[in-house]
N, C-alpha and C. Protein backbone atom coordinates (compact mmCIF):
# COMPACT_ATOMS: atom_id res chain seq x y z
N UNK A 1 -6.17 -7.51 23.27
CA UNK A 1 -5.11 -6.62 23.71
C UNK A 1 -4.61 -5.80 22.52
N UNK A 2 -4.50 -4.51 22.68
CA UNK A 2 -4.04 -3.65 21.61
C UNK A 2 -2.51 -3.63 21.57
N UNK A 3 -1.98 -3.65 20.36
CA UNK A 3 -0.53 -3.57 20.18
C UNK A 3 -0.06 -2.15 20.43
N UNK A 4 1.16 -1.95 20.92
CA UNK A 4 1.64 -0.61 21.26
C UNK A 4 1.99 0.23 20.04
N UNK A 5 1.99 -0.35 18.85
CA UNK A 5 2.29 0.45 17.66
C UNK A 5 1.42 -0.01 16.50
N UNK A 6 1.41 0.79 15.46
CA UNK A 6 0.71 0.48 14.23
C UNK A 6 1.74 0.53 13.11
N UNK A 7 1.62 -0.41 12.16
CA UNK A 7 2.52 -0.47 11.01
C UNK A 7 1.66 -0.27 9.76
N UNK A 8 2.08 0.67 8.93
CA UNK A 8 1.37 0.96 7.68
C UNK A 8 2.29 0.63 6.52
N UNK A 9 1.81 -0.22 5.62
CA UNK A 9 2.50 -0.55 4.38
C UNK A 9 1.79 0.24 3.28
N UNK A 10 2.46 1.19 2.67
CA UNK A 10 1.90 1.94 1.55
C UNK A 10 2.49 1.36 0.27
N UNK A 11 1.65 0.87 -0.61
CA UNK A 11 2.11 0.25 -1.85
C UNK A 11 1.47 0.97 -3.03
N UNK A 12 2.32 1.39 -3.95
CA UNK A 12 1.81 1.94 -5.21
C UNK A 12 1.55 0.76 -6.14
N UNK A 13 0.45 0.78 -6.84
CA UNK A 13 0.12 -0.32 -7.75
C UNK A 13 1.27 -0.58 -8.73
N UNK A 14 1.32 -1.80 -9.24
CA UNK A 14 2.35 -2.18 -10.21
C UNK A 14 2.10 -1.49 -11.55
N UNK A 15 3.07 -1.61 -12.44
CA UNK A 15 3.05 -0.93 -13.75
C UNK A 15 1.80 -1.32 -14.53
N UNK A 16 1.08 -0.31 -14.98
CA UNK A 16 -0.16 -0.55 -15.71
C UNK A 16 0.01 -0.32 -17.20
N UNK A 17 -0.94 -0.83 -17.94
CA UNK A 17 -0.90 -0.75 -19.39
C UNK A 17 -1.68 0.45 -19.89
N UNK A 18 -1.13 1.10 -20.90
CA UNK A 18 -1.81 2.20 -21.60
C UNK A 18 -2.17 1.76 -23.01
N UNK A 19 -2.11 0.45 -23.28
CA UNK A 19 -2.30 -0.07 -24.63
C UNK A 19 -3.69 0.25 -25.17
N UNK A 20 -4.70 0.13 -24.34
CA UNK A 20 -6.08 0.37 -24.77
C UNK A 20 -6.49 1.78 -24.36
N UNK A 21 -6.14 2.77 -25.20
CA UNK A 21 -6.34 4.18 -24.83
C UNK A 21 -7.79 4.56 -24.52
N UNK A 22 -8.78 4.02 -25.23
CA UNK A 22 -10.16 4.41 -24.88
C UNK A 22 -10.65 3.89 -23.53
N UNK A 23 -9.90 2.96 -22.95
CA UNK A 23 -10.28 2.37 -21.67
C UNK A 23 -10.26 3.44 -20.57
N UNK A 24 -11.26 3.44 -19.71
CA UNK A 24 -11.29 4.38 -18.59
C UNK A 24 -10.09 4.14 -17.68
N UNK A 25 -9.55 5.21 -17.11
CA UNK A 25 -8.38 5.10 -16.23
C UNK A 25 -8.60 4.07 -15.12
N UNK A 26 -9.77 4.06 -14.54
CA UNK A 26 -10.10 3.14 -13.44
C UNK A 26 -9.96 1.68 -13.87
N UNK A 27 -10.14 1.41 -15.16
CA UNK A 27 -10.17 0.04 -15.66
C UNK A 27 -8.88 -0.42 -16.33
N UNK A 28 -7.81 0.38 -16.22
CA UNK A 28 -6.56 -0.03 -16.85
C UNK A 28 -5.96 -1.24 -16.13
N UNK A 29 -5.56 -2.27 -16.90
CA UNK A 29 -4.97 -3.47 -16.29
C UNK A 29 -3.47 -3.30 -16.08
N UNK A 30 -2.87 -4.28 -15.44
CA UNK A 30 -1.41 -4.32 -15.33
C UNK A 30 -0.82 -4.76 -16.67
N UNK A 31 0.38 -4.28 -16.94
CA UNK A 31 1.10 -4.80 -18.10
C UNK A 31 1.96 -5.96 -17.62
N UNK A 32 2.58 -6.66 -18.55
CA UNK A 32 3.37 -7.85 -18.20
C UNK A 32 4.41 -7.53 -17.13
N UNK A 33 5.12 -6.41 -17.28
CA UNK A 33 6.13 -6.03 -16.28
C UNK A 33 5.49 -5.80 -14.91
N UNK A 34 4.28 -5.28 -14.89
CA UNK A 34 3.58 -5.07 -13.63
C UNK A 34 3.34 -6.38 -12.88
N UNK A 35 2.93 -7.41 -13.61
CA UNK A 35 2.73 -8.72 -12.99
C UNK A 35 4.06 -9.25 -12.42
N UNK A 36 5.12 -9.15 -13.23
CA UNK A 36 6.43 -9.65 -12.79
C UNK A 36 6.91 -8.90 -11.54
N UNK A 37 6.74 -7.58 -11.53
CA UNK A 37 7.19 -6.79 -10.37
C UNK A 37 6.36 -7.09 -9.13
N UNK A 38 5.06 -7.30 -9.29
CA UNK A 38 4.22 -7.62 -8.14
C UNK A 38 4.62 -8.97 -7.54
N UNK A 39 4.94 -9.93 -8.40
CA UNK A 39 5.41 -11.23 -7.91
C UNK A 39 6.75 -11.08 -7.18
N UNK A 40 7.66 -10.30 -7.75
CA UNK A 40 8.95 -10.04 -7.12
C UNK A 40 8.76 -9.42 -5.74
N UNK A 41 7.91 -8.40 -5.65
CA UNK A 41 7.69 -7.74 -4.36
C UNK A 41 6.97 -8.67 -3.39
N UNK A 42 6.10 -9.52 -3.89
CA UNK A 42 5.45 -10.50 -3.03
C UNK A 42 6.46 -11.45 -2.41
N UNK A 43 7.41 -11.88 -3.22
CA UNK A 43 8.46 -12.78 -2.71
C UNK A 43 9.30 -12.08 -1.64
N UNK A 44 9.60 -10.80 -1.87
CA UNK A 44 10.37 -10.05 -0.87
C UNK A 44 9.56 -9.88 0.42
N UNK A 45 8.27 -9.61 0.27
CA UNK A 45 7.41 -9.45 1.45
C UNK A 45 7.37 -10.72 2.28
N UNK A 46 7.29 -11.85 1.60
CA UNK A 46 7.18 -13.14 2.30
C UNK A 46 8.37 -13.38 3.22
N UNK A 47 9.54 -12.83 2.87
CA UNK A 47 10.76 -13.03 3.65
C UNK A 47 10.84 -12.11 4.87
N UNK A 48 9.98 -11.12 4.97
CA UNK A 48 10.06 -10.16 6.07
C UNK A 48 9.43 -10.73 7.33
N UNK A 49 9.95 -10.29 8.45
CA UNK A 49 9.41 -10.77 9.72
C UNK A 49 8.05 -10.13 10.02
N UNK A 50 7.86 -8.89 9.62
CA UNK A 50 6.59 -8.20 9.89
C UNK A 50 5.79 -8.11 8.61
N UNK A 51 4.57 -8.59 8.66
CA UNK A 51 3.70 -8.56 7.50
C UNK A 51 2.35 -7.96 7.89
N UNK A 52 1.63 -7.44 6.91
CA UNK A 52 0.33 -6.85 7.23
C UNK A 52 -0.70 -7.92 7.62
N UNK A 53 -1.63 -7.48 8.45
CA UNK A 53 -2.74 -8.35 8.86
C UNK A 53 -3.84 -8.37 7.80
N UNK A 54 -3.92 -7.29 7.04
CA UNK A 54 -4.99 -7.13 6.06
C UNK A 54 -4.50 -6.20 4.95
N UNK A 55 -5.09 -6.36 3.76
CA UNK A 55 -4.80 -5.48 2.62
C UNK A 55 -6.06 -4.71 2.28
N UNK A 56 -5.91 -3.39 2.16
CA UNK A 56 -7.01 -2.52 1.73
C UNK A 56 -6.58 -1.91 0.41
N UNK A 57 -7.38 -2.09 -0.63
CA UNK A 57 -6.99 -1.67 -1.97
C UNK A 57 -7.99 -0.70 -2.59
N UNK A 58 -7.44 0.16 -3.43
CA UNK A 58 -8.26 0.97 -4.32
C UNK A 58 -9.10 0.01 -5.18
N UNK A 59 -10.21 0.49 -5.68
CA UNK A 59 -11.05 -0.32 -6.55
C UNK A 59 -10.55 -0.34 -7.99
N UNK A 60 -9.58 0.51 -8.34
CA UNK A 60 -9.05 0.52 -9.71
C UNK A 60 -8.43 -0.84 -10.02
N UNK A 61 -8.65 -1.32 -11.23
CA UNK A 61 -8.21 -2.66 -11.61
C UNK A 61 -6.72 -2.89 -11.37
N UNK A 62 -5.88 -1.91 -11.71
CA UNK A 62 -4.43 -2.10 -11.56
C UNK A 62 -4.01 -2.23 -10.10
N UNK A 63 -4.69 -1.50 -9.20
CA UNK A 63 -4.38 -1.59 -7.77
C UNK A 63 -4.91 -2.89 -7.19
N UNK A 64 -6.14 -3.23 -7.52
CA UNK A 64 -6.74 -4.45 -6.99
C UNK A 64 -5.98 -5.69 -7.46
N UNK A 65 -5.56 -5.69 -8.72
CA UNK A 65 -4.78 -6.82 -9.24
C UNK A 65 -3.45 -6.93 -8.49
N UNK A 66 -2.81 -5.79 -8.25
CA UNK A 66 -1.55 -5.79 -7.47
C UNK A 66 -1.79 -6.41 -6.09
N UNK A 67 -2.85 -5.97 -5.42
CA UNK A 67 -3.17 -6.49 -4.09
C UNK A 67 -3.44 -7.99 -4.13
N UNK A 68 -4.16 -8.43 -5.15
CA UNK A 68 -4.49 -9.85 -5.26
C UNK A 68 -3.26 -10.71 -5.56
N UNK A 69 -2.27 -10.14 -6.24
CA UNK A 69 -1.03 -10.87 -6.49
C UNK A 69 -0.22 -10.96 -5.20
N UNK A 70 -0.19 -9.89 -4.41
CA UNK A 70 0.59 -9.87 -3.17
C UNK A 70 -0.02 -10.76 -2.08
N UNK A 71 -1.33 -10.86 -2.04
CA UNK A 71 -2.03 -11.56 -0.95
C UNK A 71 -1.51 -12.97 -0.66
N UNK A 72 -1.36 -13.85 -1.65
CA UNK A 72 -0.91 -15.21 -1.33
C UNK A 72 0.50 -15.26 -0.71
N UNK A 73 1.35 -14.30 -1.03
CA UNK A 73 2.69 -14.25 -0.44
C UNK A 73 2.62 -13.87 1.04
N UNK A 74 1.48 -13.33 1.44
CA UNK A 74 1.25 -12.95 2.84
C UNK A 74 0.33 -13.95 3.53
N UNK A 75 0.16 -15.10 2.89
CA UNK A 75 -0.74 -16.14 3.39
C UNK A 75 -2.16 -15.64 3.56
N UNK A 76 -2.59 -14.80 2.63
CA UNK A 76 -3.96 -14.28 2.63
C UNK A 76 -4.67 -14.76 1.37
N UNK A 77 -5.95 -14.95 1.49
CA UNK A 77 -6.78 -15.30 0.35
C UNK A 77 -7.02 -14.02 -0.46
N UNK A 78 -6.71 -14.03 -1.77
CA UNK A 78 -6.93 -12.84 -2.58
C UNK A 78 -8.38 -12.32 -2.53
N UNK A 79 -9.32 -13.23 -2.28
CA UNK A 79 -10.73 -12.82 -2.17
C UNK A 79 -11.01 -12.04 -0.89
N UNK A 80 -10.06 -12.04 0.04
CA UNK A 80 -10.26 -11.34 1.32
C UNK A 80 -9.68 -9.93 1.31
N UNK A 81 -9.12 -9.50 0.16
CA UNK A 81 -8.62 -8.13 0.04
C UNK A 81 -9.83 -7.20 0.20
N UNK A 82 -9.69 -6.21 1.07
CA UNK A 82 -10.77 -5.24 1.28
C UNK A 82 -10.66 -4.16 0.22
N UNK A 83 -11.73 -3.96 -0.53
CA UNK A 83 -11.75 -2.93 -1.57
C UNK A 83 -12.41 -1.69 -1.01
N UNK A 84 -11.68 -0.57 -1.09
CA UNK A 84 -12.22 0.71 -0.65
C UNK A 84 -12.21 1.66 -1.84
N UNK A 85 -13.36 1.83 -2.50
CA UNK A 85 -13.42 2.68 -3.70
C UNK A 85 -13.00 4.12 -3.44
N UNK A 86 -13.07 4.57 -2.19
CA UNK A 86 -12.71 5.97 -1.91
C UNK A 86 -11.20 6.22 -2.01
N UNK A 87 -10.38 5.17 -2.07
CA UNK A 87 -8.94 5.36 -2.23
C UNK A 87 -8.62 5.93 -3.61
N UNK A 88 -9.34 5.47 -4.63
CA UNK A 88 -9.10 5.93 -6.00
C UNK A 88 -9.43 7.42 -6.10
N UNK A 89 -8.44 8.20 -6.46
CA UNK A 89 -8.63 9.64 -6.64
C UNK A 89 -8.66 10.45 -5.36
N UNK A 90 -8.30 9.84 -4.23
CA UNK A 90 -8.35 10.55 -2.95
C UNK A 90 -7.20 11.53 -2.80
N UNK A 91 -7.48 12.61 -2.11
CA UNK A 91 -6.45 13.58 -1.74
C UNK A 91 -5.73 13.07 -0.50
N UNK A 92 -4.66 13.75 -0.13
CA UNK A 92 -3.89 13.36 1.05
C UNK A 92 -4.71 13.34 2.32
N UNK A 93 -5.50 14.37 2.56
CA UNK A 93 -6.31 14.42 3.79
C UNK A 93 -7.33 13.30 3.80
N UNK A 94 -7.94 13.03 2.66
CA UNK A 94 -8.93 11.96 2.60
C UNK A 94 -8.27 10.60 2.84
N UNK A 95 -7.06 10.42 2.32
CA UNK A 95 -6.33 9.17 2.56
C UNK A 95 -6.02 9.00 4.04
N UNK A 96 -5.63 10.06 4.70
CA UNK A 96 -5.37 9.99 6.14
C UNK A 96 -6.66 9.63 6.88
N UNK A 97 -7.77 10.22 6.46
CA UNK A 97 -9.06 9.88 7.08
C UNK A 97 -9.39 8.40 6.91
N UNK A 98 -9.09 7.86 5.74
CA UNK A 98 -9.32 6.43 5.49
C UNK A 98 -8.48 5.60 6.45
N UNK A 99 -7.21 5.93 6.56
CA UNK A 99 -6.29 5.20 7.44
C UNK A 99 -6.72 5.31 8.90
N UNK A 100 -7.14 6.49 9.31
CA UNK A 100 -7.54 6.70 10.71
C UNK A 100 -8.83 5.96 11.08
N UNK A 101 -9.54 5.43 10.10
CA UNK A 101 -10.75 4.66 10.37
C UNK A 101 -10.50 3.15 10.38
N UNK A 102 -9.23 2.72 10.19
CA UNK A 102 -8.94 1.29 10.22
C UNK A 102 -9.29 0.72 11.58
N UNK A 103 -9.67 -0.54 11.58
CA UNK A 103 -10.04 -1.26 12.80
C UNK A 103 -8.78 -1.50 13.63
N UNK A 104 -8.82 -1.15 14.90
CA UNK A 104 -7.67 -1.30 15.79
C UNK A 104 -7.33 -2.76 16.07
N UNK A 105 -8.17 -3.70 15.66
CA UNK A 105 -7.81 -5.12 15.77
C UNK A 105 -6.59 -5.43 14.91
N UNK A 106 -6.41 -4.64 13.84
CA UNK A 106 -5.28 -4.85 12.92
C UNK A 106 -4.13 -3.94 13.32
N UNK A 107 -3.01 -4.55 13.67
CA UNK A 107 -1.85 -3.72 14.04
C UNK A 107 -1.01 -3.34 12.83
N UNK A 108 -1.20 -4.06 11.72
CA UNK A 108 -0.45 -3.76 10.50
C UNK A 108 -1.38 -3.86 9.29
N UNK A 109 -1.44 -2.78 8.51
CA UNK A 109 -2.34 -2.72 7.36
C UNK A 109 -1.56 -2.30 6.12
N UNK A 110 -1.85 -2.97 5.01
CA UNK A 110 -1.29 -2.58 3.72
C UNK A 110 -2.35 -1.84 2.93
N UNK A 111 -1.98 -0.68 2.39
CA UNK A 111 -2.86 0.09 1.51
C UNK A 111 -2.24 0.05 0.12
N UNK A 112 -3.01 -0.39 -0.87
CA UNK A 112 -2.54 -0.40 -2.25
C UNK A 112 -3.30 0.71 -2.98
N UNK A 113 -2.53 1.70 -3.45
CA UNK A 113 -3.16 2.85 -4.08
C UNK A 113 -2.34 3.43 -5.21
N UNK A 114 -2.41 4.74 -5.35
CA UNK A 114 -1.91 5.43 -6.54
C UNK A 114 -1.02 6.61 -6.18
N UNK A 115 -0.18 6.96 -7.12
CA UNK A 115 0.56 8.21 -7.00
C UNK A 115 -0.28 9.32 -7.62
N UNK A 116 -0.12 10.54 -7.19
CA UNK A 116 0.93 11.04 -6.32
C UNK A 116 0.65 10.83 -4.83
N UNK A 117 -0.52 10.31 -4.47
CA UNK A 117 -0.90 10.25 -3.06
C UNK A 117 -0.05 9.30 -2.23
N UNK A 118 0.38 8.18 -2.80
CA UNK A 118 1.21 7.26 -2.02
C UNK A 118 2.52 7.95 -1.64
N UNK A 119 3.13 8.65 -2.58
CA UNK A 119 4.37 9.37 -2.28
C UNK A 119 4.11 10.49 -1.28
N UNK A 120 3.04 11.23 -1.46
CA UNK A 120 2.71 12.32 -0.53
C UNK A 120 2.49 11.78 0.89
N UNK A 121 1.75 10.69 0.99
CA UNK A 121 1.50 10.09 2.31
C UNK A 121 2.79 9.61 2.94
N UNK A 122 3.64 8.97 2.14
CA UNK A 122 4.92 8.48 2.65
C UNK A 122 5.73 9.63 3.24
N UNK A 123 5.73 10.76 2.56
CA UNK A 123 6.47 11.93 3.04
C UNK A 123 5.82 12.55 4.26
N UNK A 124 4.51 12.67 4.25
CA UNK A 124 3.82 13.30 5.37
C UNK A 124 3.88 12.44 6.63
N UNK A 125 3.65 11.14 6.47
CA UNK A 125 3.56 10.26 7.63
C UNK A 125 4.89 9.64 8.04
N UNK A 126 5.79 9.45 7.07
CA UNK A 126 7.06 8.78 7.36
C UNK A 126 8.16 9.69 7.84
N UNK A 127 8.01 10.98 7.55
CA UNK A 127 8.95 11.96 8.07
C UNK A 127 10.30 12.02 7.39
N UNK A 128 10.52 11.22 6.36
CA UNK A 128 11.78 11.27 5.61
C UNK A 128 11.44 11.50 4.15
N UNK A 129 12.23 12.34 3.47
CA UNK A 129 11.87 12.67 2.09
C UNK A 129 12.05 11.51 1.10
N UNK A 130 11.01 11.28 0.34
CA UNK A 130 11.03 10.32 -0.76
C UNK A 130 10.53 11.09 -1.97
N UNK A 131 11.36 11.18 -3.00
CA UNK A 131 10.99 11.95 -4.18
C UNK A 131 9.82 11.30 -4.92
N UNK A 132 9.88 9.98 -5.07
CA UNK A 132 8.84 9.27 -5.81
C UNK A 132 8.83 7.81 -5.38
N UNK A 133 7.65 7.30 -5.09
CA UNK A 133 7.49 5.87 -4.87
C UNK A 133 7.19 5.28 -6.25
N UNK A 134 8.11 4.48 -6.81
CA UNK A 134 7.88 3.93 -8.15
C UNK A 134 6.76 2.89 -8.14
N UNK A 135 6.34 2.50 -9.34
CA UNK A 135 5.29 1.49 -9.43
C UNK A 135 5.72 0.23 -8.69
N UNK A 136 4.82 -0.31 -7.94
CA UNK A 136 5.00 -1.49 -7.09
C UNK A 136 5.99 -1.23 -5.95
N UNK A 137 6.28 0.05 -5.69
CA UNK A 137 7.11 0.42 -4.56
C UNK A 137 6.33 0.31 -3.26
N UNK A 138 7.07 0.13 -2.18
CA UNK A 138 6.44 -0.06 -0.87
C UNK A 138 7.19 0.75 0.19
N UNK A 139 6.42 1.47 0.98
CA UNK A 139 6.95 2.23 2.11
C UNK A 139 6.32 1.66 3.37
N UNK A 140 7.14 1.37 4.38
CA UNK A 140 6.63 0.82 5.64
C UNK A 140 6.93 1.82 6.74
N UNK A 141 5.87 2.21 7.46
CA UNK A 141 5.98 3.22 8.51
C UNK A 141 5.41 2.66 9.80
N UNK A 142 6.15 2.87 10.91
CA UNK A 142 5.65 2.47 12.23
C UNK A 142 5.23 3.73 12.98
N UNK A 143 4.07 3.64 13.63
CA UNK A 143 3.54 4.73 14.44
C UNK A 143 3.52 4.31 15.89
N UNK A 144 3.95 5.19 16.76
CA UNK A 144 3.98 4.90 18.20
C UNK A 144 2.62 5.23 18.81
N UNK A 145 1.66 4.41 18.47
CA UNK A 145 0.30 4.53 19.01
C UNK A 145 -0.38 3.18 18.87
N UNK A 146 -1.39 2.94 19.65
CA UNK A 146 -2.14 1.70 19.51
C UNK A 146 -3.51 1.94 18.87
N UNK A 147 -3.68 3.14 18.29
CA UNK A 147 -4.96 3.47 17.65
C UNK A 147 -4.70 4.08 16.27
N UNK A 148 -5.34 3.54 15.27
CA UNK A 148 -5.22 4.11 13.92
C UNK A 148 -5.70 5.56 13.90
N UNK A 149 -6.69 5.88 14.70
CA UNK A 149 -7.24 7.24 14.71
C UNK A 149 -6.20 8.30 15.08
N UNK A 150 -5.09 7.86 15.68
CA UNK A 150 -4.06 8.81 16.15
C UNK A 150 -2.82 8.86 15.28
N UNK A 151 -2.80 8.14 14.15
CA UNK A 151 -1.54 8.04 13.41
C UNK A 151 -1.03 9.38 12.86
N UNK A 152 -1.90 10.29 12.50
CA UNK A 152 -1.40 11.54 11.91
C UNK A 152 -0.68 12.42 12.92
N UNK A 153 -0.92 12.19 14.21
CA UNK A 153 -0.24 12.99 15.24
C UNK A 153 0.78 12.18 16.05
N UNK A 154 0.85 10.89 15.80
CA UNK A 154 1.77 10.03 16.57
C UNK A 154 3.18 10.10 16.01
N UNK A 155 4.19 9.93 16.88
CA UNK A 155 5.57 9.83 16.38
C UNK A 155 5.66 8.63 15.42
N UNK A 156 6.42 8.81 14.34
CA UNK A 156 6.52 7.74 13.35
C UNK A 156 7.96 7.53 12.93
N UNK A 157 8.21 6.34 12.38
CA UNK A 157 9.53 5.98 11.89
C UNK A 157 9.37 5.30 10.54
N UNK A 158 10.12 5.77 9.56
CA UNK A 158 10.15 5.09 8.27
C UNK A 158 11.01 3.84 8.44
N UNK A 159 10.39 2.68 8.34
CA UNK A 159 11.10 1.42 8.53
C UNK A 159 11.76 0.93 7.25
N UNK A 160 11.10 1.19 6.14
CA UNK A 160 11.59 0.62 4.90
C UNK A 160 11.02 1.34 3.69
N UNK A 161 11.83 1.40 2.63
CA UNK A 161 11.40 1.89 1.34
C UNK A 161 11.98 0.93 0.32
N UNK A 162 11.13 0.14 -0.30
CA UNK A 162 11.58 -0.89 -1.23
C UNK A 162 10.80 -0.75 -2.54
N UNK A 163 11.43 -1.17 -3.62
CA UNK A 163 10.80 -1.10 -4.94
C UNK A 163 11.50 -2.12 -5.84
N UNK A 164 10.84 -2.50 -6.93
CA UNK A 164 11.38 -3.60 -7.75
C UNK A 164 12.82 -3.43 -8.22
N UNK A 165 13.25 -2.25 -8.60
CA UNK A 165 14.60 -2.07 -9.13
C UNK A 165 15.66 -1.87 -8.05
N UNK A 166 15.24 -1.82 -6.79
CA UNK A 166 16.19 -1.67 -5.69
C UNK A 166 16.89 -3.01 -5.47
N UNK A 167 18.19 -2.93 -5.29
CA UNK A 167 18.96 -4.14 -5.03
C UNK A 167 18.57 -4.70 -3.66
N UNK A 168 18.24 -6.01 -3.59
CA UNK A 168 17.85 -6.58 -2.29
C UNK A 168 19.01 -6.68 -1.32
């Protein structure tokens, strides 16, 4: 049975390190604060009534590490995080195409990616202005449709905008 709505969790990866400058951007790890913030956001996620069914992450190390830290707080095995290399460096339209191809068996999906696209998607799909989704920030949007393929044209509601420095 298909659910009457779809919930999208857009998460910007946690704070990454620039310590090793010759390192390729794709391979930058999280810095200590990034780990702490991902754990904090994981704890906040665990307390929510609605959680994602699956996590889809960019292949970049900082995004994948963020997803793997969040997974256990959602009672998911970190090894079950779906890696989609096309998220890294994707434009807004390409990100929407990725989302519209999600399996309809999942009524709630978390995407862990990068700015500026996470902020752009939040604004385009959520319908309320967000200047910037900070590192490890999360935007939750509900779409009034039972098909991921229809989310870009479905009525939507911004349910939540949370980030590490926001007071709980």
